[in-house]
Amino acid sequence: MKTHVPLAHRPVPRRTVTAGLLAAAWNALPGAGATAAAARARTPHPAAPADGTGLRALFGSENRVIRTRERVVAVTFNAAWNDAGLDRVLGELARRRTPATYFLTGDFADRLPGAVRKVAAAGHGLGNHSYSHPYFKDLTAAGRRREVRAADRALRAAGAGDALTPFFRFPYGETRPAHIKEVNALGFADIEFTTDTNGWKGTEGGMTVDGAVRRAVDALRPGAILQMHVGASEGRTEVIDALALRPILDALRARGYRVVDLRTLLTPSGGPGPHSAPGSGRS
């Protein structure tokens, strides 16, 4: 099961994420203050109390880049198969005190609740990636709602707790205006990505660690959102993105970029400043 395939056509209007836009969603989560405290203890760019504005400003659009002039990026990971690379990823992020957001399927949470708790305990944010990672276009509206709700229940049951965010990422990166509207109606903002490293393809798919690093570096721009994966498909245990994380973070730092927690953008003054020119990316 793949967690992303390139799309030739994305009919949804793209909106960038501005500092403070996610505030209402984060502020509305049960225990948001406790999570903020945990983030302060564990990450260099903590999530402070939100100002309560902006969730609905994200509705109706896919969001693929942070709007800012600052050299900042957000690092995100999807998980649907297994957690083969999770410990290595968490270790590297902890060593550098670097935050990330993880988009997990409900099936992953049901099978590997310990992995969910590890991510939450490390102070990172958790987002919804559907329950079984289907093509949403092949489902009815009721079926799509069941996927989102079932994933939310599974994440909560697994112990996600205050690490939960009101962020949803579509399977395969496949977004449609009607589907985004449905997700918004359930209280989730669609948060996508500027580029995928394509590490999920593995060496069998022609990918290498150097190739994953190159894709990340080539996509660098103020506000880029990087998508990677913590597992391997079809019984594989080598996780290219776990191996590529260190050189990617080294490359970001060498180019003057810092990694920001998406939850930091909920704060009125804690996130990057506004950018007058919108933009977005695709992989």
Protein backbone atom coordinates (compact mmCIF):
# COMPACT_ATOMS: atom_id res chain seq x y z
CA MET A 1 0.00 0.00 0.00
CA LYS A 2 1.51 3.25 -1.11
CA THR A 3 1.05 6.47 0.79
CA HIS A 4 1.64 8.77 -2.12
CA VAL A 5 1.67 8.68 -5.90
CA PRO A 6 2.39 11.67 -8.14
CA LEU A 7 -0.70 13.28 -9.56
CA ALA A 8 -0.90 14.88 -12.97
CA HIS A 9 -3.90 16.98 -12.07
CA ARG A 10 -4.87 18.69 -8.82
CA PRO A 11 -8.14 20.58 -9.33
CA VAL A 12 -8.25 22.08 -5.83
CA PRO A 13 -7.28 25.73 -5.36
CA ARG A 14 -4.10 25.82 -3.30
CA ARG A 15 -3.88 28.01 -0.24
CA THR A 16 -0.78 28.53 1.81
CA VAL A 17 -0.70 28.24 5.60
CA THR A 18 -0.08 31.50 7.40
CA ALA A 19 1.10 31.92 10.96
CA GLY A 20 -1.89 31.75 13.26
CA LEU A 21 -4.27 30.15 10.76
CA LEU A 22 -4.30 26.82 12.57
CA ALA A 23 -4.89 28.39 15.95
CA ALA A 24 -8.59 27.72 16.36
CA ALA A 25 -8.18 24.03 15.62
CA TRP A 26 -5.33 23.54 18.05
CA ASN A 27 -6.95 25.65 20.73
CA ALA A 28 -10.13 23.59 20.47
CA LEU A 29 -8.39 20.27 21.10
CA PRO A 30 -8.85 18.76 24.56
CA GLY A 31 -5.69 19.29 26.60
CA ALA A 32 -4.08 21.67 24.12
CA GLY A 33 -2.37 23.51 26.95
CA ALA A 34 -0.84 20.29 28.26
CA THR A 35 0.46 19.42 24.80
CA ALA A 36 1.94 22.87 24.47
CA ALA A 37 3.76 22.33 27.75
CA ALA A 38 5.06 18.99 26.54
CA ALA A 39 6.25 20.56 23.32
CA ARG A 40 8.04 23.29 25.26
CA ALA A 41 9.91 20.61 27.18
CA ARG A 42 10.85 18.52 24.16
CA THR A 43 11.26 20.74 21.10
CA PRO A 44 13.24 23.88 20.32
CA HIS A 45 10.23 25.59 18.71
CA PRO A 46 7.40 24.91 21.17
CA ALA A 47 3.71 25.25 20.54
CA ALA A 48 2.46 28.10 22.70
CA PRO A 49 -1.20 28.80 23.53
CA ALA A 50 -3.12 29.60 20.36
CA ASP A 51 -5.02 32.80 19.74
CA GLY A 52 -8.19 30.94 18.66
CA THR A 53 -8.35 32.24 15.08
CA GLY A 54 -8.06 30.69 11.70
CA LEU A 55 -9.14 27.06 11.27
CA ARG A 56 -11.88 27.98 8.86
CA ALA A 57 -9.45 30.05 6.82
CA LEU A 58 -7.93 26.73 5.77
CA PHE A 59 -11.23 25.18 4.73
CA GLY A 60 -11.99 24.72 1.05
CA SER A 61 -8.35 24.32 0.05
CA GLU A 62 -5.42 21.95 0.14
CA ASN A 63 -2.52 23.55 1.98
CA ARG A 64 0.92 22.75 0.64
CA VAL A 65 3.27 25.44 1.91
CA ILE A 66 3.69 27.80 4.85
CA ARG A 67 3.37 31.40 3.75
CA THR A 68 6.53 33.13 4.93
CA ARG A 69 9.70 34.89 3.84
CA GLU A 70 11.70 33.13 6.53
CA ARG A 71 13.92 30.15 5.78
CA VAL A 72 11.79 27.63 7.61
CA VAL A 73 10.42 24.21 6.66
CA ALA A 74 8.06 21.71 8.25
CA VAL A 75 8.99 18.04 8.39
CA THR A 76 6.16 15.48 8.21
CA PHE A 77 5.98 11.69 8.11
CA ASN A 78 3.22 9.36 6.94
CA ALA A 79 2.68 5.90 8.42
CA ALA A 80 0.47 3.18 6.97
CA TRP A 81 2.55 -0.01 6.61
CA ASN A 82 4.83 -0.59 9.60
CA ASP A 83 7.13 1.27 11.98
CA ALA A 84 10.42 -0.16 10.68
CA GLY A 85 12.12 3.24 10.58
CA LEU A 86 10.33 4.95 13.44
CA ASP A 87 12.92 4.48 16.19
CA ARG A 88 15.69 5.79 13.96
CA VAL A 89 13.58 8.80 12.94
CA LEU A 90 12.56 9.60 16.52
CA GLY A 91 16.14 9.23 17.69
CA GLU A 92 17.50 11.61 15.09
CA LEU A 93 14.79 14.18 15.77
CA ALA A 94 15.39 13.92 19.52
CA ARG A 95 19.15 14.31 19.09
CA ARG A 96 18.59 17.56 17.23
CA ARG A 97 15.54 18.65 19.25
CA THR A 98 13.66 18.90 15.96
CA PRO A 99 9.84 18.73 15.73
CA ALA A 100 7.76 16.85 13.17
CA THR A 101 4.13 15.99 12.44
CA TYR A 102 3.08 12.40 11.79
CA PHE A 103 0.05 11.47 9.68
CA LEU A 104 -1.04 7.96 10.68
CA THR A 105 -3.73 5.66 9.35
CA GLY A 106 -6.21 4.21 11.79
CA ASP A 107 -5.21 0.70 10.73
CA PHE A 108 -1.60 1.52 11.66
CA ALA A 109 -2.78 2.81 15.05
CA ASP A 110 -4.83 -0.34 15.70
CA ARG A 111 -1.92 -2.63 14.82
CA LEU A 112 0.85 -0.59 16.43
CA PRO A 113 -0.54 1.43 19.35
CA GLY A 114 2.90 1.49 20.92
CA ALA A 115 4.22 3.43 17.93
CA VAL A 116 1.45 6.00 18.35
CA ARG A 117 2.36 6.44 22.00
CA LYS A 118 6.06 6.78 21.14
CA VAL A 119 5.35 9.65 18.77
CA ALA A 120 3.07 11.35 21.27
CA ALA A 121 5.53 10.88 24.14
CA ALA A 122 8.29 12.44 22.03
CA GLY A 123 6.25 15.63 21.81
CA HIS A 124 5.36 15.51 18.10
CA GLY A 125 1.97 16.21 16.54
CA LEU A 126 -0.30 13.49 15.17
CA GLY A 127 -2.58 13.89 12.16
CA ASN A 128 -5.27 11.77 10.51
CA HIS A 129 -4.38 9.88 7.28
CA SER A 130 -7.70 7.94 6.93
CA TYR A 131 -8.32 4.48 8.38
CA SER A 132 -7.40 2.07 5.57
CA HIS A 133 -5.70 4.39 3.03
CA PRO A 134 -8.19 3.93 0.18
CA TYR A 135 -8.64 6.02 -2.93
CA PHE A 136 -11.28 8.45 -1.72
CA LYS A 137 -12.67 8.83 -5.23
CA ASP A 138 -13.75 5.19 -5.09
CA LEU A 139 -15.83 5.69 -1.93
CA THR A 140 -19.23 7.18 -1.26
CA ALA A 141 -19.46 10.34 0.82
CA ALA A 142 -20.57 8.20 3.75
CA GLY A 143 -17.62 5.89 3.20
CA ARG A 144 -15.18 8.79 3.22
CA ARG A 145 -16.66 10.09 6.46
CA ARG A 146 -16.32 6.63 8.01
CA GLU A 147 -12.64 6.52 7.03
CA VAL A 148 -11.89 9.83 8.76
CA ARG A 149 -13.93 9.09 11.86
CA ALA A 150 -12.61 5.55 12.24
CA ALA A 151 -9.02 6.81 12.02
CA ASP A 152 -9.73 9.45 14.66
CA ARG A 153 -11.18 6.83 17.00
CA ALA A 154 -8.24 4.50 16.42
CA LEU A 155 -5.68 7.22 17.14
CA ARG A 156 -7.45 8.16 20.34
CA ALA A 157 -7.78 4.53 21.44
CA ALA A 158 -4.08 3.98 20.77
CA GLY A 159 -3.15 6.76 23.18
CA ALA A 160 -2.55 9.76 20.91
CA GLY A 161 -4.11 12.01 23.53
CA ASP A 162 -3.09 15.63 23.43
CA ALA A 163 -0.75 15.01 20.50
CA LEU A 164 -3.77 14.90 18.19
CA THR A 165 -4.17 17.82 15.80
CA PRO A 166 -7.14 18.73 13.56
CA PHE A 167 -5.00 18.00 10.48
CA PHE A 168 -5.97 15.53 7.76
CA ARG A 169 -3.84 14.33 4.85
CA PHE A 170 -5.49 12.53 1.95
CA PRO A 171 -4.26 9.08 0.90
CA TYR A 172 -2.06 9.21 -2.19
CA GLY A 173 -2.08 13.01 -2.03
CA GLU A 174 -5.33 12.82 -4.01
CA THR A 175 -7.51 15.84 -3.27
CA ARG A 176 -10.81 16.99 -4.73
CA PRO A 177 -12.84 20.07 -3.77
CA ALA A 178 -15.88 18.05 -2.69
CA HIS A 179 -13.77 15.69 -0.60
CA ILE A 180 -11.97 18.55 1.13
CA LYS A 181 -15.36 20.07 1.96
CA GLU A 182 -16.43 16.79 3.53
CA VAL A 183 -13.29 16.62 5.65
CA ASN A 184 -13.72 20.25 6.69
CA ALA A 185 -17.28 19.48 7.81
CA LEU A 186 -15.80 16.90 10.19
CA GLY A 187 -13.58 19.58 11.72
CA PHE A 188 -10.31 18.81 9.92
CA ALA A 189 -8.12 21.05 7.77
CA ASP A 190 -6.39 19.40 4.82
CA ILE A 191 -2.61 19.71 5.24
CA GLU A 192 -0.70 18.34 2.27
CA PHE A 193 2.97 18.85 1.28
CA THR A 194 5.28 20.75 -1.03
CA THR A 195 7.22 17.65 -2.02
CA ASP A 196 7.56 13.98 -1.18
CA THR A 197 11.07 12.58 -1.01
CA ASN A 198 9.74 9.41 -2.68
CA GLY A 199 11.71 7.33 -0.21
CA TRP A 200 8.64 5.10 0.08
CA LYS A 201 9.48 3.61 -3.33
CA GLY A 202 12.52 1.86 -1.86
CA THR A 203 15.50 0.60 -3.80
CA GLU A 204 13.16 -1.73 -5.67
CA GLY A 205 11.47 1.36 -7.05
CA GLY A 206 14.73 2.97 -8.06
CA MET A 207 15.08 5.29 -5.07
CA THR A 208 18.22 5.85 -3.02
CA VAL A 209 19.10 7.83 0.08
CA ASP A 210 20.91 10.37 -2.10
CA GLY A 211 17.87 10.63 -4.33
CA ALA A 212 15.57 11.31 -1.38
CA VAL A 213 17.94 13.98 -0.07
CA ARG A 214 18.16 15.57 -3.48
CA ARG A 215 14.37 15.76 -3.81
CA ALA A 216 14.12 17.47 -0.42
CA VAL A 217 16.88 19.95 -1.21
CA ASP A 218 15.51 20.72 -4.66
CA ALA A 219 12.16 21.63 -3.12
CA LEU A 220 13.63 24.01 -0.55
CA ARG A 221 11.92 27.37 -0.36
CA PRO A 222 10.68 29.42 2.56
CA GLY A 223 7.78 27.53 4.07
CA ALA A 224 8.23 24.19 2.32
CA ILE A 225 6.45 21.17 3.83
CA LEU A 226 8.39 17.94 3.34
CA GLN A 227 6.66 14.56 3.29
CA MET A 228 8.48 11.38 4.24
CA HIS A 229 7.50 7.94 5.56
CA VAL A 230 8.47 5.90 8.63
CA GLY A 231 7.71 2.45 7.24
CA ALA A 232 8.36 0.14 4.33
CA SER A 233 5.87 -1.68 2.15
CA GLU A 234 5.52 -5.31 1.08
CA GLY A 235 7.60 -6.81 3.85
CA ARG A 236 10.62 -4.56 3.31
CA THR A 237 12.54 -3.39 6.34
CA GLU A 238 14.87 -0.79 4.79
CA VAL A 239 13.32 2.65 5.19
CA ILE A 240 15.08 5.12 2.90
CA ASP A 241 13.57 8.16 4.57
CA ALA A 242 14.84 7.07 7.98
CA LEU A 243 18.35 6.83 6.51
CA ALA A 244 17.94 10.10 4.60
CA LEU A 245 16.69 12.17 7.53
CA ARG A 246 20.11 13.04 8.95
CA PRO A 247 21.59 14.27 5.64
CA ILE A 248 18.35 16.13 4.88
CA LEU A 249 18.50 17.97 8.19
CA ASP A 250 22.20 18.65 7.63
CA ALA A 251 21.40 20.10 4.21
CA LEU A 252 18.63 22.29 5.61
CA ARG A 253 20.93 23.71 8.24
CA ALA A 254 23.75 24.27 5.78
CA ARG A 255 21.39 26.34 3.63
CA GLY A 256 20.22 28.43 6.55
CA TYR A 257 16.86 26.75 7.14
CA ARG A 258 15.33 25.76 10.45
CA VAL A 259 12.57 23.25 11.07
CA VAL A 260 9.36 24.54 12.64
CA ASP A 261 6.59 22.64 14.36
CA LEU A 262 3.32 23.07 12.44
CA ARG A 263 1.67 23.66 15.82
CA THR A 264 3.90 26.68 16.39
CA LEU A 265 2.02 28.32 13.53
CA LEU A 266 -1.01 28.37 15.79
CA THR A 267 0.55 31.06 17.94
CA PRO A 268 -0.04 34.75 17.22
CA SER A 269 3.68 35.55 17.25
CA GLY A 270 5.51 32.25 17.42
CA GLY A 271 5.44 31.34 13.76
CA PRO A 272 6.97 32.75 10.60
CA GLY A 273 5.81 36.11 9.34
CA PRO A 274 3.37 36.64 6.47
CA HIS A 275 4.36 36.53 2.84
CA SER A 276 2.70 38.80 0.29
CA ALA A 277 2.99 36.34 -2.59
CA PRO A 278 1.24 32.97 -2.36
CA GLY A 279 2.72 29.80 -3.76
CA SER A 280 2.57 26.04 -3.58
CA GLY A 281 4.42 22.98 -4.71
CA ARG A 282 3.73 19.50 -5.96
CA SER A 283 5.71 16.34 -6.31
